[in-house]
């Protein structure tokens, strides 16, 4: 089960990146690829909560959920062919990047405290 989630998560991330590039040439196709990828990414993120008990870890998980909302907004703006979709996507990416860097360290710190 975990391996399947990882594969689907990677496919959705690749789809998001490709749709941002393809938007320059084929905006209609890119919008649909982005929508499918963001829905898949958001669903996997929302169903994989932080396993620890620390407040900081839960806050970082909430930051990930907020980033998913920003990506959904970016997808909507992409469908409307508004240039602001780039800004929403960059903000979501920055939040996701921060959470992806700090969340494993927080979980490791929490498991080391238990030992």
N, C-alpha and C. Protein backbone atom coordinates (compact mmCIF):
# COMPACT_ATOMS: atom_id res chain seq x y z
N UNK A 1 0.83 -1.20 0.00
CA UNK A 1 0.00 0.00 0.00
C UNK A 1 0.87 1.25 0.00
N UNK A 2 1.87 1.26 0.83
CA UNK A 2 2.74 2.44 0.93
C UNK A 2 3.49 2.67 -0.38
N UNK A 3 3.93 1.58 -1.00
CA UNK A 3 4.66 1.68 -2.25
C UNK A 3 3.77 2.25 -3.36
N UNK A 4 2.51 1.85 -3.39
CA UNK A 4 1.57 2.35 -4.38
C UNK A 4 1.35 3.85 -4.20
N UNK A 5 1.21 4.29 -2.95
CA UNK A 5 1.04 5.72 -2.68
C UNK A 5 2.25 6.51 -3.15
N UNK A 6 3.43 5.98 -2.90
CA UNK A 6 4.65 6.67 -3.32
C UNK A 6 4.72 6.81 -4.83
N UNK A 7 4.37 5.75 -5.53
CA UNK A 7 4.41 5.79 -7.00
C UNK A 7 3.39 6.79 -7.53
N UNK A 8 2.16 6.76 -6.99
CA UNK A 8 1.14 7.70 -7.43
C UNK A 8 1.52 9.14 -7.11
N UNK A 9 2.15 9.33 -5.96
CA UNK A 9 2.59 10.68 -5.58
C UNK A 9 3.65 11.20 -6.55
N UNK A 10 4.57 10.36 -6.91
CA UNK A 10 5.61 10.77 -7.86
C UNK A 10 5.04 11.05 -9.24
N UNK A 11 4.09 10.23 -9.67
CA UNK A 11 3.45 10.47 -10.96
C UNK A 11 2.70 11.80 -10.95
N UNK A 12 2.01 12.09 -9.85
CA UNK A 12 1.26 13.35 -9.78
C UNK A 12 2.20 14.56 -9.77
N UNK A 13 3.33 14.44 -9.09
CA UNK A 13 4.30 15.56 -9.07
C UNK A 13 4.88 15.78 -10.47
N UNK A 14 5.19 14.71 -11.16
CA UNK A 14 5.69 14.85 -12.53
C UNK A 14 4.63 15.47 -13.43
N UNK A 15 3.37 15.08 -13.23
CA UNK A 15 2.29 15.67 -14.00
C UNK A 15 2.13 17.16 -13.75
N UNK A 16 2.29 17.57 -12.50
CA UNK A 16 2.20 19.00 -12.16
C UNK A 16 3.33 19.77 -12.83
N UNK A 17 4.53 19.25 -12.75
CA UNK A 17 5.67 19.93 -13.38
C UNK A 17 5.54 20.00 -14.90
N UNK A 18 5.12 18.89 -15.50
CA UNK A 18 4.95 18.87 -16.95
C UNK A 18 3.85 19.82 -17.41
N UNK A 19 2.77 19.89 -16.65
CA UNK A 19 1.68 20.78 -17.06
C UNK A 19 2.10 22.24 -16.99
N UNK A 20 2.96 22.58 -16.05
CA UNK A 20 3.45 23.96 -15.98
C UNK A 20 4.29 24.30 -17.21
N UNK A 21 5.02 23.33 -17.72
CA UNK A 21 5.84 23.57 -18.92
C UNK A 21 4.98 23.53 -20.18
N UNK A 22 4.10 22.55 -20.27
CA UNK A 22 3.27 22.37 -21.47
C UNK A 22 2.27 23.52 -21.63
N UNK A 23 1.96 24.22 -20.55
CA UNK A 23 1.01 25.33 -20.61
C UNK A 23 1.44 26.39 -21.63
N UNK A 24 2.72 26.54 -21.84
CA UNK A 24 3.21 27.52 -22.81
C UNK A 24 2.76 27.21 -24.23
N UNK A 25 2.60 25.92 -24.54
CA UNK A 25 2.28 25.52 -25.91
C UNK A 25 0.84 25.06 -26.09
N UNK A 26 0.32 24.32 -25.12
CA UNK A 26 -1.03 23.76 -25.19
C UNK A 26 -1.77 24.01 -23.88
N UNK A 27 -2.30 25.22 -23.68
CA UNK A 27 -2.93 25.54 -22.38
C UNK A 27 -4.12 24.66 -22.02
N UNK A 28 -4.90 24.23 -23.01
CA UNK A 28 -6.08 23.43 -22.70
C UNK A 28 -5.69 22.06 -22.14
N UNK A 29 -4.73 21.43 -22.78
CA UNK A 29 -4.27 20.12 -22.33
C UNK A 29 -3.58 20.23 -20.98
N UNK A 30 -2.75 21.25 -20.84
CA UNK A 30 -2.00 21.43 -19.59
C UNK A 30 -2.93 21.64 -18.40
N UNK A 31 -4.03 22.35 -18.62
CA UNK A 31 -4.97 22.59 -17.53
C UNK A 31 -5.58 21.29 -17.02
N UNK A 32 -5.93 20.39 -17.93
CA UNK A 32 -6.52 19.13 -17.51
C UNK A 32 -5.50 18.21 -16.84
N UNK A 33 -4.28 18.20 -17.36
CA UNK A 33 -3.22 17.40 -16.73
C UNK A 33 -2.94 17.94 -15.33
N UNK A 34 -2.91 19.27 -15.21
CA UNK A 34 -2.69 19.89 -13.90
C UNK A 34 -3.83 19.53 -12.94
N UNK A 35 -5.05 19.60 -13.41
CA UNK A 35 -6.20 19.30 -12.55
C UNK A 35 -6.13 17.86 -12.03
N UNK A 36 -5.90 16.92 -12.91
CA UNK A 36 -5.82 15.51 -12.49
C UNK A 36 -4.66 15.28 -11.52
N UNK A 37 -3.52 15.89 -11.82
CA UNK A 37 -2.34 15.71 -10.98
C UNK A 37 -2.52 16.34 -9.61
N UNK A 38 -3.10 17.53 -9.58
CA UNK A 38 -3.29 18.21 -8.29
C UNK A 38 -4.32 17.48 -7.43
N UNK A 39 -5.38 16.98 -8.05
CA UNK A 39 -6.37 16.23 -7.29
C UNK A 39 -5.74 14.97 -6.70
N UNK A 40 -4.97 14.26 -7.49
CA UNK A 40 -4.29 13.05 -7.00
C UNK A 40 -3.30 13.39 -5.89
N UNK A 41 -2.49 14.42 -6.11
CA UNK A 41 -1.50 14.83 -5.11
C UNK A 41 -2.18 15.25 -3.81
N UNK A 42 -3.23 16.06 -3.92
CA UNK A 42 -3.93 16.54 -2.72
C UNK A 42 -4.61 15.40 -1.97
N UNK A 43 -5.18 14.46 -2.70
CA UNK A 43 -5.83 13.32 -2.05
C UNK A 43 -4.82 12.47 -1.28
N UNK A 44 -3.69 12.22 -1.89
CA UNK A 44 -2.67 11.42 -1.21
C UNK A 44 -2.12 12.16 0.01
N UNK A 45 -1.89 13.45 -0.14
CA UNK A 45 -1.37 14.24 0.98
C UNK A 45 -2.38 14.28 2.14
N UNK A 46 -3.65 14.49 1.82
CA UNK A 46 -4.66 14.58 2.86
C UNK A 46 -4.90 13.26 3.57
N UNK A 47 -4.68 12.15 2.89
CA UNK A 47 -4.91 10.85 3.52
C UNK A 47 -3.65 10.27 4.17
N UNK A 48 -2.59 11.05 4.20
CA UNK A 48 -1.34 10.61 4.85
C UNK A 48 -0.97 11.59 5.96
N UNK A 49 -1.72 11.59 7.06
CA UNK A 49 -1.45 12.59 8.11
C UNK A 49 -0.12 12.34 8.82
N UNK A 50 0.31 13.34 9.56
CA UNK A 50 1.54 13.25 10.33
C UNK A 50 1.39 12.16 11.39
N UNK A 51 2.30 11.18 11.43
CA UNK A 51 2.13 10.06 12.36
C UNK A 51 2.51 10.38 13.80
N UNK A 52 3.22 11.46 14.04
CA UNK A 52 3.67 11.77 15.39
C UNK A 52 2.67 12.58 16.17
N UNK A 53 3.12 13.03 17.34
CA UNK A 53 2.24 13.78 18.24
C UNK A 53 2.67 15.23 18.44
N UNK A 54 3.80 15.63 17.90
CA UNK A 54 4.29 16.98 18.18
C UNK A 54 3.44 18.03 17.48
N UNK A 55 3.32 19.15 18.12
CA UNK A 55 2.55 20.26 17.58
C UNK A 55 3.22 20.81 16.32
N UNK A 56 4.53 20.85 16.32
CA UNK A 56 5.25 21.35 15.15
C UNK A 56 5.02 20.46 13.93
N UNK A 57 5.02 19.16 14.13
CA UNK A 57 4.76 18.23 13.04
C UNK A 57 3.36 18.38 12.49
N UNK A 58 2.40 18.57 13.36
CA UNK A 58 1.02 18.77 12.92
C UNK A 58 0.88 20.10 12.18
N UNK A 59 1.60 21.11 12.64
CA UNK A 59 1.58 22.40 11.96
C UNK A 59 2.18 22.27 10.56
N UNK A 60 3.25 21.53 10.44
CA UNK A 60 3.86 21.31 9.12
C UNK A 60 2.93 20.54 8.19
N UNK A 61 2.18 19.59 8.73
CA UNK A 61 1.20 18.88 7.92
C UNK A 61 0.11 19.84 7.45
N UNK A 62 -0.32 20.75 8.33
CA UNK A 62 -1.32 21.75 7.93
C UNK A 62 -0.77 22.69 6.86
N UNK A 63 0.52 22.97 6.91
CA UNK A 63 1.15 23.78 5.86
C UNK A 63 1.08 23.03 4.53
N UNK A 64 1.29 21.72 4.57
CA UNK A 64 1.17 20.93 3.34
C UNK A 64 -0.25 20.99 2.78
N UNK A 65 -1.24 20.92 3.65
CA UNK A 65 -2.63 21.01 3.19
C UNK A 65 -2.92 22.39 2.60
N UNK A 66 -2.38 23.43 3.21
CA UNK A 66 -2.55 24.79 2.68
C UNK A 66 -1.90 24.90 1.31
N UNK A 67 -0.76 24.28 1.13
CA UNK A 67 -0.08 24.28 -0.17
C UNK A 67 -0.93 23.56 -1.21
N UNK A 68 -1.60 22.51 -0.82
CA UNK A 68 -2.49 21.82 -1.75
C UNK A 68 -3.65 22.72 -2.16
N UNK A 69 -4.18 23.49 -1.22
CA UNK A 69 -5.25 24.44 -1.55
C UNK A 69 -4.72 25.49 -2.53
N UNK A 70 -3.51 25.96 -2.32
CA UNK A 70 -2.92 26.92 -3.26
C UNK A 70 -2.75 26.32 -4.65
N UNK A 71 -2.40 25.06 -4.72
CA UNK A 71 -2.27 24.41 -6.02
C UNK A 71 -3.63 24.24 -6.69
N UNK A 72 -4.67 24.01 -5.91
CA UNK A 72 -6.02 23.93 -6.48
C UNK A 72 -6.43 25.29 -7.03
N UNK A 73 -6.11 26.35 -6.30
CA UNK A 73 -6.39 27.71 -6.78
C UNK A 73 -5.61 27.98 -8.06
N UNK A 74 -4.35 27.56 -8.09
CA UNK A 74 -3.54 27.74 -9.29
C UNK A 74 -4.14 27.00 -10.48
N UNK A 75 -4.69 25.83 -10.23
CA UNK A 75 -5.32 25.07 -11.31
C UNK A 75 -6.55 25.80 -11.84
N UNK A 76 -7.35 26.33 -10.94
CA UNK A 76 -8.52 27.11 -11.36
C UNK A 76 -8.09 28.30 -12.20
N UNK A 77 -7.07 29.00 -11.74
CA UNK A 77 -6.58 30.16 -12.50
C UNK A 77 -5.99 29.74 -13.84
N UNK A 78 -5.42 28.56 -13.88
CA UNK A 78 -4.88 28.05 -15.14
C UNK A 78 -6.01 27.79 -16.13
N UNK A 79 -7.11 27.22 -15.65
CA UNK A 79 -8.26 26.99 -16.52
C UNK A 79 -8.81 28.30 -17.07
N UNK A 80 -8.80 29.33 -16.25
CA UNK A 80 -9.30 30.64 -16.67
C UNK A 80 -8.26 31.40 -17.48
N UNK A 81 -7.08 30.82 -17.65
CA UNK A 81 -5.94 31.39 -18.37
C UNK A 81 -5.56 32.76 -17.80
N UNK A 82 -5.50 32.79 -16.49
CA UNK A 82 -5.06 33.99 -15.77
C UNK A 82 -3.60 33.82 -15.42
N UNK A 83 -2.81 34.86 -15.60
CA UNK A 83 -1.37 34.71 -15.33
C UNK A 83 -1.03 34.55 -13.85
N UNK A 84 -1.98 34.79 -12.96
CA UNK A 84 -1.71 34.68 -11.53
C UNK A 84 -1.54 33.23 -11.08
N UNK A 85 -1.85 32.28 -11.96
CA UNK A 85 -1.70 30.87 -11.57
C UNK A 85 -0.25 30.57 -11.22
N UNK A 86 0.66 31.26 -11.87
CA UNK A 86 2.08 31.02 -11.61
C UNK A 86 2.43 31.41 -10.18
N UNK A 87 1.91 32.55 -9.74
CA UNK A 87 2.18 33.02 -8.38
C UNK A 87 1.61 32.05 -7.34
N UNK A 88 0.38 31.60 -7.55
CA UNK A 88 -0.22 30.64 -6.61
C UNK A 88 0.56 29.34 -6.58
N UNK A 89 1.01 28.89 -7.74
CA UNK A 89 1.77 27.64 -7.81
C UNK A 89 3.13 27.79 -7.12
N UNK A 90 3.79 28.90 -7.33
CA UNK A 90 5.09 29.11 -6.69
C UNK A 90 4.94 29.17 -5.17
N UNK A 91 3.91 29.86 -4.68
CA UNK A 91 3.68 29.93 -3.23
C UNK A 91 3.43 28.53 -2.67
N UNK A 92 2.60 27.75 -3.34
CA UNK A 92 2.35 26.38 -2.90
C UNK A 92 3.60 25.54 -2.92
N UNK A 93 4.42 25.72 -3.94
CA UNK A 93 5.66 24.94 -4.05
C UNK A 93 6.63 25.30 -2.92
N UNK A 94 6.71 26.57 -2.58
CA UNK A 94 7.61 27.00 -1.50
C UNK A 94 7.16 26.39 -0.17
N UNK A 95 5.85 26.43 0.09
CA UNK A 95 5.35 25.83 1.33
C UNK A 95 5.59 24.32 1.37
N UNK A 96 5.35 23.66 0.24
CA UNK A 96 5.60 22.21 0.19
C UNK A 96 7.08 21.88 0.36
N UNK A 97 7.93 22.67 -0.24
CA UNK A 97 9.37 22.45 -0.13
C UNK A 97 9.82 22.59 1.32
N UNK A 98 9.34 23.63 1.99
CA UNK A 98 9.69 23.85 3.39
C UNK A 98 9.22 22.67 4.25
N UNK A 99 7.97 22.27 4.06
CA UNK A 99 7.43 21.17 4.85
C UNK A 99 8.16 19.86 4.55
N UNK A 100 8.52 19.64 3.30
CA UNK A 100 9.21 18.41 2.93
C UNK A 100 10.61 18.34 3.54
N UNK A 101 11.23 19.48 3.74
CA UNK A 101 12.56 19.49 4.35
C UNK A 101 12.50 19.33 5.87
N UNK A 102 11.54 19.96 6.51
CA UNK A 102 11.51 20.02 7.96
C UNK A 102 10.74 18.85 8.59
N UNK A 103 9.71 18.36 7.92
CA UNK A 103 8.86 17.32 8.49
C UNK A 103 9.62 16.03 8.83
N UNK A 104 10.46 15.50 7.96
CA UNK A 104 11.21 14.28 8.35
C UNK A 104 12.14 14.51 9.54
N UNK A 105 12.74 15.69 9.61
CA UNK A 105 13.61 15.99 10.75
C UNK A 105 12.81 16.03 12.05
N UNK A 106 11.62 16.61 11.99
CA UNK A 106 10.77 16.67 13.17
C UNK A 106 10.33 15.28 13.61
N UNK A 107 9.98 14.44 12.66
CA UNK A 107 9.58 13.07 13.00
C UNK A 107 10.74 12.28 13.59
N UNK A 108 11.93 12.47 13.02
CA UNK A 108 13.11 11.80 13.55
C UNK A 108 13.43 12.27 14.97
N UNK A 109 13.32 13.58 15.18
CA UNK A 109 13.57 14.13 16.51
C UNK A 109 12.56 13.57 17.52
N UNK A 110 11.33 13.44 17.12
CA UNK A 110 10.30 12.92 18.00
C UNK A 110 10.51 11.44 18.31
N UNK A 111 10.92 10.66 17.32
CA UNK A 111 11.18 9.23 17.58
C UNK A 111 12.43 9.04 18.45
N UNK A 112 13.42 9.91 18.30
CA UNK A 112 14.61 9.82 19.15
C UNK A 112 14.30 10.17 20.59
N UNK A 113 13.34 11.05 20.83
CA UNK A 113 12.96 11.40 22.20
C UNK A 113 12.28 10.22 22.87
N UNK A 114 11.55 9.41 22.12
CA UNK A 114 10.85 8.26 22.70
C UNK A 114 11.81 7.18 23.13
N UNK A 115 12.95 7.08 22.47
CA UNK A 115 13.93 6.03 22.79
C UNK A 115 14.72 6.36 23.97
